[in-house]
Amino acid sequence: MKRELASNWSHEFQEAVAAYGLTEDIYKCMQCGKCAGICPCAALYPSYNPRRIIREVLMGNDDRILHSEEIWRCFWCANCASTCPNEIMYPMLMMVLRFVALDHGAGQKHIVPLFRFTRRLHERAVNFEPTNPKRLKVIEDCRTKIGLDPMRIVNPGSVKEYQRLFEVAGTNEWMKRIEEKARVPLDFAFAPNVILADDMPDSNKNTGRGA
């Protein structure tokens, strides 16, 4: 990936991240690297480095961060938070960066698979329903044998209350906004000469980017 000039970095990026009220403590990072040393994602993906991501956020390198694949690597084990000498909640930073990235049109491929799940929650207040016919038949038979309806039916009043939570929490508006965003290609922010071909326009495929 082409190196950005410091003059092109956003001095407002820190404020945009801090506005969520979850990451004020990243200013305490002293770049000791303990988070990177204990992170399982960093062990699997050499381009992923929690210490470096914090540095990029503090330096205001928003384009490099928000359009990177790395911010979607973290799976919230919280090893970093448990070992940080300054008790920085790095997992919360990852969540915030993902929200900010989605607001900028990046990262949809990581959440679109969850939309079906979320819509089912909203429409029926059911968070799990098997789609495999054989599996479904087994569940229906088991429920029938113990005197229950073949499938769980949620009271209509409860469904309306659940839908009200979606509205109050802003989930409906958030999903609508994400679906309307133009898709932006993702890149490996810290790995030289690597791009995601499936996410790049045809004119840019099969081309590398300098370190």
N, C-alpha and C. Protein backbone atom coordinates (compact mmCIF):
# COMPACT_ATOMS: atom_id res chain seq x y z
N MET A 1 0.84 -1.20 0.00
CA MET A 1 0.00 0.00 0.00
C MET A 1 0.87 1.24 0.00
N LYS A 2 0.49 2.20 -0.79
CA LYS A 2 1.25 3.43 -0.88
C LYS A 2 1.28 4.16 0.45
N ARG A 3 2.45 4.64 0.82
CA ARG A 3 2.58 5.38 2.06
C ARG A 3 1.93 6.75 1.93
N GLU A 4 1.17 7.13 2.97
CA GLU A 4 0.52 8.43 2.96
C GLU A 4 1.43 9.48 3.59
N LEU A 5 1.29 10.70 3.14
CA LEU A 5 2.03 11.79 3.75
C LEU A 5 1.30 12.23 5.00
N ALA A 6 2.06 12.64 6.02
CA ALA A 6 1.45 13.09 7.26
C ALA A 6 0.50 14.26 7.02
N SER A 7 0.80 15.08 6.01
CA SER A 7 -0.05 16.23 5.72
C SER A 7 -1.43 15.83 5.23
N ASN A 8 -1.56 14.56 4.79
CA ASN A 8 -2.85 14.08 4.29
C ASN A 8 -3.68 13.40 5.38
N TRP A 9 -3.12 13.25 6.55
CA TRP A 9 -3.83 12.58 7.61
C TRP A 9 -4.88 13.49 8.22
N SER A 10 -5.89 12.88 8.79
CA SER A 10 -7.00 13.64 9.36
C SER A 10 -6.77 13.90 10.84
N HIS A 11 -6.71 15.16 11.18
CA HIS A 11 -6.54 15.53 12.58
C HIS A 11 -7.86 15.40 13.34
N GLU A 12 -8.95 15.21 12.59
CA GLU A 12 -10.26 15.05 13.21
C GLU A 12 -10.59 13.59 13.48
N PHE A 13 -9.75 12.68 13.00
CA PHE A 13 -10.05 11.26 13.13
C PHE A 13 -10.12 10.83 14.59
N GLN A 14 -9.19 11.33 15.40
CA GLN A 14 -9.19 10.98 16.82
C GLN A 14 -10.52 11.39 17.47
N GLU A 15 -10.99 12.58 17.10
CA GLU A 15 -12.24 13.07 17.68
C GLU A 15 -13.43 12.22 17.23
N ALA A 16 -13.39 11.76 15.97
CA ALA A 16 -14.48 10.93 15.46
C ALA A 16 -14.54 9.61 16.21
N VAL A 17 -13.37 9.06 16.51
CA VAL A 17 -13.31 7.81 17.27
C VAL A 17 -13.71 8.05 18.72
N ALA A 18 -13.21 9.13 19.30
CA ALA A 18 -13.50 9.43 20.71
C ALA A 18 -14.97 9.76 20.94
N ALA A 19 -15.66 10.21 19.88
CA ALA A 19 -17.06 10.62 20.03
C ALA A 19 -17.95 9.47 20.50
N TYR A 20 -17.53 8.24 20.29
CA TYR A 20 -18.32 7.09 20.73
C TYR A 20 -18.22 6.89 22.24
N GLY A 21 -17.26 7.55 22.87
CA GLY A 21 -17.13 7.47 24.32
C GLY A 21 -16.62 6.15 24.86
N LEU A 22 -15.96 5.37 24.03
CA LEU A 22 -15.51 4.04 24.46
C LEU A 22 -13.99 3.88 24.42
N THR A 23 -13.29 4.86 23.88
CA THR A 23 -11.86 4.66 23.62
C THR A 23 -10.98 5.81 24.10
N GLU A 24 -11.40 6.49 25.15
CA GLU A 24 -10.60 7.62 25.62
C GLU A 24 -9.21 7.18 26.10
N ASP A 25 -9.10 5.91 26.50
CA ASP A 25 -7.85 5.45 27.10
C ASP A 25 -6.74 5.13 26.11
N ILE A 26 -7.00 5.19 24.80
CA ILE A 26 -5.93 4.84 23.86
C ILE A 26 -4.79 5.85 23.90
N TYR A 27 -5.05 7.04 24.46
CA TYR A 27 -3.99 8.04 24.59
C TYR A 27 -2.91 7.59 25.58
N LYS A 28 -3.24 6.59 26.39
CA LYS A 28 -2.28 6.10 27.38
C LYS A 28 -1.32 5.07 26.80
N CYS A 29 -1.50 4.69 25.54
CA CYS A 29 -0.64 3.67 24.94
C CYS A 29 0.80 4.15 24.89
N MET A 30 1.72 3.31 25.38
CA MET A 30 3.14 3.67 25.37
C MET A 30 3.92 2.79 24.38
N GLN A 31 3.17 2.11 23.49
CA GLN A 31 3.78 1.33 22.42
C GLN A 31 4.74 0.25 22.94
N CYS A 32 4.37 -0.40 24.03
CA CYS A 32 5.24 -1.44 24.60
C CYS A 32 5.18 -2.73 23.80
N GLY A 33 4.06 -2.95 23.10
CA GLY A 33 3.94 -4.13 22.25
C GLY A 33 3.45 -5.38 22.93
N LYS A 34 3.07 -5.31 24.21
CA LYS A 34 2.60 -6.50 24.90
C LYS A 34 1.31 -7.02 24.27
N CYS A 35 0.48 -6.12 23.76
CA CYS A 35 -0.76 -6.53 23.12
C CYS A 35 -0.48 -7.36 21.87
N ALA A 36 0.47 -6.92 21.08
CA ALA A 36 0.83 -7.65 19.86
C ALA A 36 1.45 -9.00 20.19
N GLY A 37 2.20 -9.06 21.29
CA GLY A 37 2.86 -10.30 21.66
C GLY A 37 1.91 -11.39 22.10
N ILE A 38 0.75 -11.00 22.66
CA ILE A 38 -0.19 -12.00 23.18
C ILE A 38 -1.37 -12.23 22.26
N CYS A 39 -1.48 -11.45 21.19
CA CYS A 39 -2.64 -11.49 20.30
C CYS A 39 -2.59 -12.71 19.36
N PRO A 40 -3.61 -13.57 19.39
CA PRO A 40 -3.63 -14.73 18.49
C PRO A 40 -3.78 -14.33 17.03
N CYS A 41 -4.48 -13.21 16.77
CA CYS A 41 -4.64 -12.75 15.38
C CYS A 41 -3.30 -12.29 14.82
N ALA A 42 -2.51 -11.62 15.65
CA ALA A 42 -1.20 -11.16 15.21
C ALA A 42 -0.29 -12.34 14.89
N ALA A 43 -0.51 -13.45 15.61
CA ALA A 43 0.30 -14.65 15.34
C ALA A 43 -0.10 -15.29 14.01
N LEU A 44 -1.38 -15.19 13.66
CA LEU A 44 -1.86 -15.79 12.42
C LEU A 44 -1.66 -14.89 11.21
N TYR A 45 -1.80 -13.57 11.43
CA TYR A 45 -1.71 -12.62 10.33
C TYR A 45 -0.59 -11.61 10.63
N PRO A 46 0.55 -11.73 9.99
CA PRO A 46 1.67 -10.83 10.25
C PRO A 46 1.33 -9.36 10.02
N SER A 47 0.33 -9.07 9.18
CA SER A 47 -0.02 -7.68 8.91
C SER A 47 -0.85 -7.06 10.04
N TYR A 48 -1.33 -7.90 10.97
CA TYR A 48 -2.18 -7.40 12.06
C TYR A 48 -1.33 -7.09 13.28
N ASN A 49 -1.43 -5.86 13.77
CA ASN A 49 -0.62 -5.45 14.91
C ASN A 49 -1.40 -4.42 15.73
N PRO A 50 -1.95 -4.80 16.89
CA PRO A 50 -2.74 -3.87 17.71
C PRO A 50 -1.98 -2.59 18.06
N ARG A 51 -0.72 -2.74 18.40
CA ARG A 51 0.08 -1.56 18.76
C ARG A 51 0.15 -0.58 17.59
N ARG A 52 0.35 -1.10 16.39
CA ARG A 52 0.46 -0.23 15.22
C ARG A 52 -0.87 0.42 14.86
N ILE A 53 -1.96 -0.32 15.05
CA ILE A 53 -3.28 0.25 14.77
C ILE A 53 -3.57 1.42 15.71
N ILE A 54 -3.24 1.26 16.99
CA ILE A 54 -3.43 2.36 17.93
C ILE A 54 -2.61 3.57 17.50
N ARG A 55 -1.37 3.33 17.09
CA ARG A 55 -0.51 4.42 16.65
C ARG A 55 -1.12 5.14 15.44
N GLU A 56 -1.64 4.37 14.48
CA GLU A 56 -2.23 4.98 13.29
C GLU A 56 -3.45 5.82 13.65
N VAL A 57 -4.24 5.34 14.61
CA VAL A 57 -5.41 6.11 15.04
C VAL A 57 -4.97 7.42 15.68
N LEU A 58 -4.00 7.35 16.57
CA LEU A 58 -3.51 8.55 17.24
C LEU A 58 -2.86 9.53 16.27
N MET A 59 -2.25 9.01 15.21
CA MET A 59 -1.62 9.87 14.21
C MET A 59 -2.63 10.43 13.22
N GLY A 60 -3.85 9.89 13.23
CA GLY A 60 -4.90 10.41 12.35
C GLY A 60 -4.90 9.83 10.96
N ASN A 61 -4.33 8.64 10.79
CA ASN A 61 -4.27 8.04 9.46
C ASN A 61 -5.58 7.31 9.17
N ASP A 62 -6.65 8.06 8.97
CA ASP A 62 -7.98 7.48 8.88
C ASP A 62 -8.18 6.64 7.62
N ASP A 63 -7.68 7.08 6.48
CA ASP A 63 -7.91 6.35 5.24
C ASP A 63 -7.29 4.97 5.31
N ARG A 64 -6.11 4.89 5.84
CA ARG A 64 -5.39 3.62 5.93
C ARG A 64 -6.10 2.67 6.89
N ILE A 65 -6.64 3.17 7.96
CA ILE A 65 -7.29 2.34 8.96
C ILE A 65 -8.68 1.90 8.51
N LEU A 66 -9.51 2.85 8.12
CA LEU A 66 -10.91 2.56 7.85
C LEU A 66 -11.11 1.66 6.64
N HIS A 67 -10.21 1.72 5.69
CA HIS A 67 -10.36 0.90 4.50
C HIS A 67 -9.45 -0.31 4.51
N SER A 68 -9.05 -0.72 5.69
CA SER A 68 -8.16 -1.87 5.81
C SER A 68 -8.95 -3.11 6.20
N GLU A 69 -8.34 -4.25 5.95
CA GLU A 69 -8.92 -5.52 6.36
C GLU A 69 -8.61 -5.82 7.82
N GLU A 70 -7.56 -5.22 8.33
CA GLU A 70 -7.07 -5.57 9.66
C GLU A 70 -8.06 -5.31 10.78
N ILE A 71 -8.84 -4.26 10.69
CA ILE A 71 -9.75 -3.95 11.78
C ILE A 71 -10.87 -4.99 11.91
N TRP A 72 -10.98 -5.86 10.93
CA TRP A 72 -11.99 -6.92 10.99
C TRP A 72 -11.39 -8.26 11.43
N ARG A 73 -10.10 -8.27 11.74
CA ARG A 73 -9.45 -9.51 12.17
C ARG A 73 -9.77 -9.85 13.63
N CYS A 74 -9.82 -8.84 14.47
CA CYS A 74 -10.00 -9.05 15.91
C CYS A 74 -11.30 -9.81 16.20
N PHE A 75 -11.20 -10.84 17.06
CA PHE A 75 -12.41 -11.57 17.44
C PHE A 75 -12.70 -11.46 18.93
N TRP A 76 -12.19 -10.40 19.54
CA TRP A 76 -12.60 -10.02 20.90
C TRP A 76 -12.23 -11.05 21.97
N CYS A 77 -11.06 -11.63 21.88
CA CYS A 77 -10.63 -12.52 22.97
C CYS A 77 -10.24 -11.72 24.20
N ALA A 78 -9.86 -10.43 23.98
CA ALA A 78 -9.51 -9.51 25.05
C ALA A 78 -8.20 -9.85 25.76
N ASN A 79 -7.36 -10.68 25.15
CA ASN A 79 -6.04 -10.93 25.72
C ASN A 79 -5.25 -9.63 25.85
N CYS A 80 -5.41 -8.77 24.85
CA CYS A 80 -4.68 -7.50 24.85
C CYS A 80 -5.06 -6.64 26.05
N ALA A 81 -6.36 -6.56 26.31
CA ALA A 81 -6.83 -5.75 27.43
C ALA A 81 -6.37 -6.30 28.77
N SER A 82 -6.29 -7.63 28.85
CA SER A 82 -5.89 -8.25 30.12
C SER A 82 -4.41 -8.07 30.42
N THR A 83 -3.61 -7.87 29.36
CA THR A 83 -2.16 -7.76 29.57
C THR A 83 -1.64 -6.33 29.48
N CYS A 84 -2.47 -5.40 29.05
CA CYS A 84 -2.03 -4.01 28.87
C CYS A 84 -1.70 -3.36 30.22
N PRO A 85 -0.49 -2.82 30.38
CA PRO A 85 -0.12 -2.19 31.66
C PRO A 85 -0.94 -0.94 31.96
N ASN A 86 -1.51 -0.34 30.92
CA ASN A 86 -2.33 0.86 31.12
C ASN A 86 -3.82 0.58 31.02
N GLU A 87 -4.18 -0.71 30.96
CA GLU A 87 -5.57 -1.16 30.96
C GLU A 87 -6.38 -0.54 29.82
N ILE A 88 -5.77 -0.45 28.64
CA ILE A 88 -6.47 0.07 27.46
C ILE A 88 -7.42 -1.01 26.94
N MET A 89 -8.66 -0.62 26.69
CA MET A 89 -9.66 -1.56 26.20
C MET A 89 -9.61 -1.59 24.66
N TYR A 90 -8.61 -2.25 24.16
CA TYR A 90 -8.41 -2.32 22.71
C TYR A 90 -9.60 -2.95 21.97
N PRO A 91 -10.26 -3.99 22.51
CA PRO A 91 -11.42 -4.54 21.80
C PRO A 91 -12.50 -3.49 21.53
N MET A 92 -12.68 -2.56 22.45
CA MET A 92 -13.67 -1.50 22.23
C MET A 92 -13.24 -0.59 21.08
N LEU A 93 -11.94 -0.36 20.97
CA LEU A 93 -11.43 0.43 19.85
C LEU A 93 -11.77 -0.25 18.53
N MET A 94 -11.61 -1.57 18.48
CA MET A 94 -11.92 -2.30 17.26
C MET A 94 -13.39 -2.15 16.89
N MET A 95 -14.26 -2.20 17.90
CA MET A 95 -15.67 -2.05 17.62
C MET A 95 -15.97 -0.66 17.07
N VAL A 96 -15.37 0.35 17.67
CA VAL A 96 -15.59 1.72 17.21
C VAL A 96 -15.08 1.91 15.79
N LEU A 97 -13.89 1.40 15.50
CA LEU A 97 -13.32 1.55 14.16
C LEU A 97 -14.21 0.88 13.12
N ARG A 98 -14.81 -0.22 13.48
CA ARG A 98 -15.71 -0.89 12.54
C ARG A 98 -16.96 -0.05 12.28
N PHE A 99 -17.50 0.56 13.32
CA PHE A 99 -18.65 1.43 13.13
C PHE A 99 -18.29 2.62 12.25
N VAL A 100 -17.14 3.23 12.51
CA VAL A 100 -16.72 4.39 11.72
C VAL A 100 -16.46 3.97 10.28
N ALA A 101 -15.86 2.80 10.08
CA ALA A 101 -15.59 2.30 8.73
C ALA A 101 -16.89 2.09 7.96
N LEU A 102 -17.88 1.50 8.62
CA LEU A 102 -19.16 1.27 7.96
C LEU A 102 -19.84 2.58 7.59
N ASP A 103 -19.67 3.59 8.44
CA ASP A 103 -20.22 4.91 8.13
C ASP A 103 -19.54 5.53 6.91
N HIS A 104 -18.32 5.05 6.60
CA HIS A 104 -17.59 5.53 5.44
C HIS A 104 -17.75 4.60 4.24
N GLY A 105 -18.65 3.63 4.36
CA GLY A 105 -18.94 2.75 3.24
C GLY A 105 -18.03 1.56 3.10
N ALA A 106 -17.18 1.29 4.08
CA ALA A 106 -16.24 0.17 4.00
C ALA A 106 -16.65 -0.95 4.94
N GLY A 107 -16.34 -2.19 4.56
CA GLY A 107 -16.55 -3.33 5.44
C GLY A 107 -17.89 -4.01 5.37
N GLN A 108 -18.73 -3.65 4.36
CA GLN A 108 -20.05 -4.26 4.31
C GLN A 108 -20.01 -5.78 4.20
N LYS A 109 -18.99 -6.30 3.54
CA LYS A 109 -18.96 -7.75 3.32
C LYS A 109 -18.87 -8.51 4.65
N HIS A 110 -18.41 -7.84 5.69
CA HIS A 110 -18.27 -8.50 6.97
C HIS A 110 -19.58 -8.53 7.77
N ILE A 111 -20.52 -7.67 7.44
CA ILE A 111 -21.75 -7.61 8.22
C ILE A 111 -23.00 -7.99 7.44
N VAL A 112 -22.93 -7.95 6.11
CA VAL A 112 -24.10 -8.31 5.31
C VAL A 112 -24.62 -9.70 5.66
N PRO A 113 -23.73 -10.70 5.90
CA PRO A 113 -24.25 -12.01 6.30
C PRO A 113 -25.08 -11.99 7.58
N LEU A 114 -24.87 -10.97 8.41
CA LEU A 114 -25.62 -10.87 9.66
C LEU A 114 -26.98 -10.21 9.47
N PHE A 115 -27.21 -9.60 8.31
CA PHE A 115 -28.47 -8.89 8.11
C PHE A 115 -29.66 -9.84 8.13
N ARG A 116 -29.49 -11.01 7.55
CA ARG A 116 -30.58 -11.99 7.56
C ARG A 116 -30.94 -12.37 8.99
N PHE A 117 -29.91 -12.59 9.79
CA PHE A 117 -30.11 -12.90 11.20
C PHE A 117 -30.82 -11.75 11.92
N THR A 118 -30.38 -10.52 11.65
CA THR A 118 -30.95 -9.36 12.33
C THR A 118 -32.39 -9.11 11.90
N ARG A 119 -32.66 -9.30 10.62
CA ARG A 119 -34.04 -9.12 10.15
C ARG A 119 -34.98 -10.14 10.77
N ARG A 120 -34.49 -11.37 10.94
CA ARG A 120 -35.33 -12.39 11.57
C ARG A 120 -35.62 -12.00 13.02
N LEU A 121 -34.61 -11.47 13.69
CA LEU A 121 -34.83 -10.98 15.05
C LEU A 121 -35.90 -9.91 15.08
N HIS A 122 -35.81 -8.99 14.14
CA HIS A 122 -36.75 -7.87 14.12
C HIS A 122 -38.17 -8.31 13.76
N GLU A 123 -38.29 -9.20 12.81
CA GLU A 123 -39.61 -9.59 12.32
C GLU A 123 -40.33 -10.59 13.23
N ARG A 124 -39.54 -11.50 13.87
CA ARG A 124 -40.18 -12.59 14.62
C ARG A 124 -39.64 -12.76 16.02
N ALA A 125 -38.64 -11.98 16.40
CA ALA A 125 -38.02 -12.09 17.73
C ALA A 125 -37.47 -13.50 17.97
N VAL A 126 -36.99 -14.12 16.90
CA VAL A 126 -36.39 -15.45 16.98
C VAL A 126 -34.94 -15.32 16.50
N ASN A 127 -34.00 -15.73 17.34
CA ASN A 127 -32.60 -15.55 16.97
C ASN A 127 -31.97 -16.77 16.32
N PHE A 128 -32.67 -17.90 16.35
CA PHE A 128 -32.10 -19.09 15.71
C PHE A 128 -33.23 -19.94 15.13
N GLU A 129 -33.01 -20.37 13.89
CA GLU A 129 -33.96 -21.26 13.25
C GLU A 129 -33.20 -22.06 12.19
N PRO A 130 -33.08 -23.36 12.35
CA PRO A 130 -32.31 -24.16 11.39
C PRO A 130 -32.93 -24.14 10.00
N THR A 131 -32.09 -24.12 9.00
CA THR A 131 -32.56 -24.11 7.61
C THR A 131 -32.46 -25.48 6.96
N ASN A 132 -31.68 -26.36 7.57
CA ASN A 132 -31.56 -27.72 7.05
C ASN A 132 -32.86 -28.49 7.34
N PRO A 133 -33.55 -28.98 6.30
CA PRO A 133 -34.84 -29.67 6.51
C PRO A 133 -34.76 -30.84 7.48
N LYS A 134 -33.69 -31.63 7.41
CA LYS A 134 -33.56 -32.78 8.31
C LYS A 134 -33.40 -32.32 9.76
N ARG A 135 -32.58 -31.30 9.95
CA ARG A 135 -32.38 -30.77 11.29
C ARG A 135 -33.67 -30.17 11.82
N LEU A 136 -34.39 -29.47 10.96
CA LEU A 136 -35.65 -28.86 11.34
C LEU A 136 -36.67 -29.91 11.76
N LYS A 137 -36.70 -31.01 11.01
CA LYS A 137 -37.65 -32.09 11.32
C LYS A 137 -37.34 -32.71 12.68
N VAL A 138 -36.07 -32.89 13.01
CA VAL A 138 -35.68 -33.44 14.30
C VAL A 138 -36.16 -32.54 15.43
N ILE A 139 -35.96 -31.23 15.26
CA ILE A 139 -36.38 -30.28 16.30
C ILE A 139 -37.89 -30.30 16.45
N GLU A 140 -38.61 -30.29 15.35
CA GLU A 140 -40.08 -30.31 15.40
C GLU A 140 -40.59 -31.56 16.10
N ASP A 141 -39.99 -32.72 15.78
CA ASP A 141 -40.42 -33.97 16.42
C ASP A 141 -40.15 -33.94 17.92
N CYS A 142 -38.98 -33.45 18.32
CA CYS A 142 -38.64 -33.38 19.74
C CYS A 142 -39.60 -32.47 20.49
N ARG A 143 -39.91 -31.34 19.92
CA ARG A 143 -40.82 -30.40 20.58
C ARG A 143 -42.22 -30.98 20.67
N THR A 144 -42.67 -31.66 19.63
CA THR A 144 -44.01 -32.25 19.62
C THR A 144 -44.13 -33.33 20.69
N LYS A 145 -43.08 -34.11 20.85
CA LYS A 145 -43.12 -35.21 21.81
C LYS A 145 -43.28 -34.73 23.25
N ILE A 146 -42.79 -33.53 23.54
CA ILE A 146 -42.90 -33.03 24.92
C ILE A 146 -44.05 -32.03 25.06
N GLY A 147 -44.93 -32.01 24.04
CA GLY A 147 -46.14 -31.23 24.14
C GLY A 147 -46.04 -29.76 23.74
N LEU A 148 -44.96 -29.41 23.03
CA LEU A 148 -44.80 -28.03 22.58
C LEU A 148 -45.19 -27.90 21.11
N ASP A 149 -45.41 -26.66 20.67
CA ASP A 149 -45.64 -26.43 19.25
C ASP A 149 -44.40 -26.88 18.47
N PRO A 150 -44.58 -27.35 17.23
CA PRO A 150 -43.42 -27.79 16.43
C PRO A 150 -42.29 -26.78 16.37
N MET A 151 -42.64 -25.50 16.28
CA MET A 151 -41.63 -24.45 16.30
C MET A 151 -42.06 -23.37 17.28
N ARG A 152 -41.09 -22.70 17.85
CA ARG A 152 -41.38 -21.68 18.87
C ARG A 152 -42.14 -20.51 18.25
N ILE A 153 -43.20 -20.13 18.89
CA ILE A 153 -44.01 -18.99 18.44
C ILE A 153 -43.95 -17.92 19.52
N VAL A 154 -43.51 -16.75 19.15
CA VAL A 154 -43.38 -15.65 20.09
C VAL A 154 -44.67 -14.85 20.12
N ASN A 155 -45.11 -14.50 21.29
CA ASN A 155 -46.32 -13.70 21.45
C ASN A 155 -46.23 -12.41 20.64
N PRO A 156 -47.25 -12.06 19.86
CA PRO A 156 -47.22 -10.84 19.03
C PRO A 156 -46.88 -9.59 19.83
N GLY A 157 -47.36 -9.52 21.06
CA GLY A 157 -47.05 -8.37 21.89
C GLY A 157 -45.57 -8.28 22.20
N SER A 158 -44.96 -9.42 22.45
CA SER A 158 -43.53 -9.45 22.72
C SER A 158 -42.73 -9.07 21.49
N VAL A 159 -43.21 -9.49 20.32
CA VAL A 159 -42.53 -9.12 19.08
C VAL A 159 -42.54 -7.61 18.90
N LYS A 160 -43.68 -6.99 19.19
CA LYS A 160 -43.77 -5.53 19.06
C LYS A 160 -42.82 -4.83 20.04
N GLU A 161 -42.71 -5.35 21.25
CA GLU A 161 -41.78 -4.78 22.23
C GLU A 161 -40.34 -4.90 21.73
N TYR A 162 -40.04 -6.04 21.16
CA TYR A 162 -38.70 -6.27 20.62
C TYR A 162 -38.40 -5.31 19.48
N GLN A 163 -39.38 -5.11 18.61
CA GLN A 163 -39.21 -4.18 17.49
C GLN A 163 -39.05 -2.75 17.98
N ARG A 164 -39.68 -2.46 19.09
CA ARG A 164 -39.53 -1.12 19.69
C ARG A 164 -38.09 -0.90 20.16
N LEU A 165 -37.46 -1.95 20.69
CA LEU A 165 -36.06 -1.85 21.10
C LEU A 165 -35.17 -1.54 19.89
N PHE A 166 -35.46 -2.16 18.77
CA PHE A 166 -34.70 -1.88 17.55
C PHE A 166 -34.82 -0.41 17.17
N GLU A 167 -36.02 0.12 17.32
CA GLU A 167 -36.25 1.51 16.96
C GLU A 167 -35.55 2.47 17.92
N VAL A 168 -35.70 2.22 19.21
CA VAL A 168 -35.10 3.10 20.22
C VAL A 168 -33.58 3.07 20.15
N ALA A 169 -33.02 1.89 19.90
CA ALA A 169 -31.57 1.75 19.85
C ALA A 169 -30.97 2.28 18.55
N GLY A 170 -31.82 2.59 17.58
CA GLY A 170 -31.32 3.10 16.31
C GLY A 170 -30.88 2.02 15.33
N THR A 171 -31.20 0.75 15.65
CA THR A 171 -30.75 -0.35 14.80
C THR A 171 -31.39 -0.29 13.42
N ASN A 172 -32.67 0.04 13.35
CA ASN A 172 -33.35 0.12 12.05
C ASN A 172 -32.69 1.16 11.16
N GLU A 173 -32.45 2.33 11.71
CA GLU A 173 -31.84 3.41 10.93
C GLU A 173 -30.41 3.05 10.54
N TRP A 174 -29.70 2.41 11.46
CA TRP A 174 -28.32 2.03 11.18
C TRP A 174 -28.24 1.02 10.04
N MET A 175 -29.10 0.01 10.06
CA MET A 175 -29.11 -1.00 8.99
C MET A 175 -29.48 -0.37 7.65
N LYS A 176 -30.44 0.52 7.68
CA LYS A 176 -30.84 1.19 6.45
C LYS A 176 -29.69 2.01 5.88
N ARG A 177 -28.99 2.71 6.77
CA ARG A 177 -27.87 3.55 6.33
C ARG A 177 -26.74 2.71 5.75
N ILE A 178 -26.46 1.58 6.38
CA ILE A 178 -25.39 0.72 5.89
C ILE A 178 -25.74 0.14 4.53
N GLU A 179 -26.97 -0.28 4.35
CA GLU A 179 -27.39 -0.88 3.08
C GLU A 179 -27.33 0.13 1.95
N GLU A 180 -27.51 1.41 2.26
CA GLU A 180 -27.52 2.44 1.22
C GLU A 180 -26.13 2.95 0.90
N LYS A 181 -25.13 2.59 1.72
CA LYS A 181 -23.77 3.07 1.48
C LYS A 181 -23.18 2.39 0.25
N ALA A 182 -22.43 3.17 -0.52
CA ALA A 182 -21.70 2.59 -1.64
C ALA A 182 -20.58 1.73 -1.11
N ARG A 183 -20.39 0.58 -1.71
CA ARG A 183 -19.36 -0.34 -1.23
C ARG A 183 -17.97 0.18 -1.59
N VAL A 184 -17.09 0.17 -0.60
CA VAL A 184 -15.72 0.64 -0.79
C VAL A 184 -14.78 -0.55 -0.66
N PRO A 185 -13.83 -0.72 -1.58
CA PRO A 185 -12.90 -1.86 -1.50
C PRO A 185 -12.08 -1.82 -0.22
N LEU A 186 -11.78 -3.01 0.29
CA LEU A 186 -10.91 -3.12 1.46
C LEU A 186 -9.50 -3.45 1.01
N ASP A 187 -8.54 -3.09 1.83
CA ASP A 187 -7.15 -3.36 1.51
C ASP A 187 -6.46 -3.84 2.77
N PHE A 188 -5.34 -4.55 2.61
CA PHE A 188 -4.52 -4.91 3.76
C PHE A 188 -3.64 -3.72 4.07
N ALA A 189 -3.96 -3.01 5.13
CA ALA A 189 -3.33 -1.73 5.39
C ALA A 189 -1.83 -1.83 5.65
N PHE A 190 -1.40 -2.92 6.25
CA PHE A 190 0.00 -2.99 6.66
C PHE A 190 0.78 -4.09 5.94
N ALA A 191 0.19 -4.70 4.93
CA ALA A 191 0.88 -5.76 4.20
C ALA A 191 1.22 -5.28 2.80
N PRO A 192 2.49 -5.16 2.44
CA PRO A 192 2.87 -4.67 1.12
C PRO A 192 2.52 -5.65 0.01
N ASN A 193 2.16 -5.08 -1.14
CA ASN A 193 1.94 -5.86 -2.36
C ASN A 193 0.82 -6.89 -2.24
N VAL A 194 -0.17 -6.61 -1.43
CA VAL A 194 -1.30 -7.53 -1.29
C VAL A 194 -2.59 -6.75 -1.41
N ILE A 195 -3.50 -7.21 -2.27
CA ILE A 195 -4.82 -6.61 -2.36
C ILE A 195 -5.85 -7.71 -2.41
N LEU A 196 -7.09 -7.36 -2.16
CA LEU A 196 -8.18 -8.32 -2.24
C LEU A 196 -8.80 -8.18 -3.62
N ALA A 197 -8.46 -9.09 -4.53
CA ALA A 197 -8.88 -8.96 -5.92
C ALA A 197 -10.39 -8.92 -6.06
N ASP A 198 -11.10 -9.69 -5.24
CA ASP A 198 -12.55 -9.73 -5.36
C ASP A 198 -13.21 -8.42 -5.00
N ASP A 199 -12.51 -7.59 -4.24
CA ASP A 199 -13.09 -6.34 -3.79
C ASP A 199 -12.62 -5.14 -4.60
N MET A 200 -11.77 -5.36 -5.58
CA MET A 200 -11.20 -4.26 -6.34
C MET A 200 -11.90 -4.13 -7.69
N PRO A 201 -12.02 -2.90 -8.23
CA PRO A 201 -12.58 -2.72 -9.56
C PRO A 201 -11.75 -3.49 -10.58
N ASP A 202 -12.39 -3.89 -11.70
CA ASP A 202 -11.69 -4.69 -12.71
C ASP A 202 -10.42 -4.04 -13.20
N SER A 203 -10.43 -2.72 -13.32
CA SER A 203 -9.27 -2.02 -13.84
C SER A 203 -8.08 -2.09 -12.91
N ASN A 204 -8.34 -2.42 -11.62
CA ASN A 204 -7.26 -2.45 -10.65
C ASN A 204 -6.83 -3.86 -10.27
N LYS A 205 -7.52 -4.86 -10.80
CA LYS A 205 -7.19 -6.23 -10.43
C LYS A 205 -5.83 -6.62 -11.00
N ASN A 206 -5.22 -7.55 -10.29
CA ASN A 206 -3.90 -8.07 -10.69
C ASN A 206 -2.81 -7.02 -10.62
N THR A 207 -3.02 -6.00 -9.80
CA THR A 207 -1.98 -5.00 -9.60
C THR A 207 -1.62 -4.97 -8.14
N GLY A 208 -0.37 -4.74 -7.85
CA GLY A 208 0.06 -4.66 -6.45
C GLY A 208 0.24 -3.23 -6.04
N ARG A 209 0.44 -3.03 -4.76
CA ARG A 209 0.67 -1.70 -4.23
C ARG A 209 1.99 -1.71 -3.50
N GLY A 210 2.72 -0.69 -3.64
CA GLY A 210 4.02 -0.61 -2.98
C GLY A 210 3.89 -0.53 -1.49
N ALA A 211 4.96 -0.87 -0.80
CA ALA A 211 4.93 -0.87 0.67
C ALA A 211 4.76 0.52 1.21
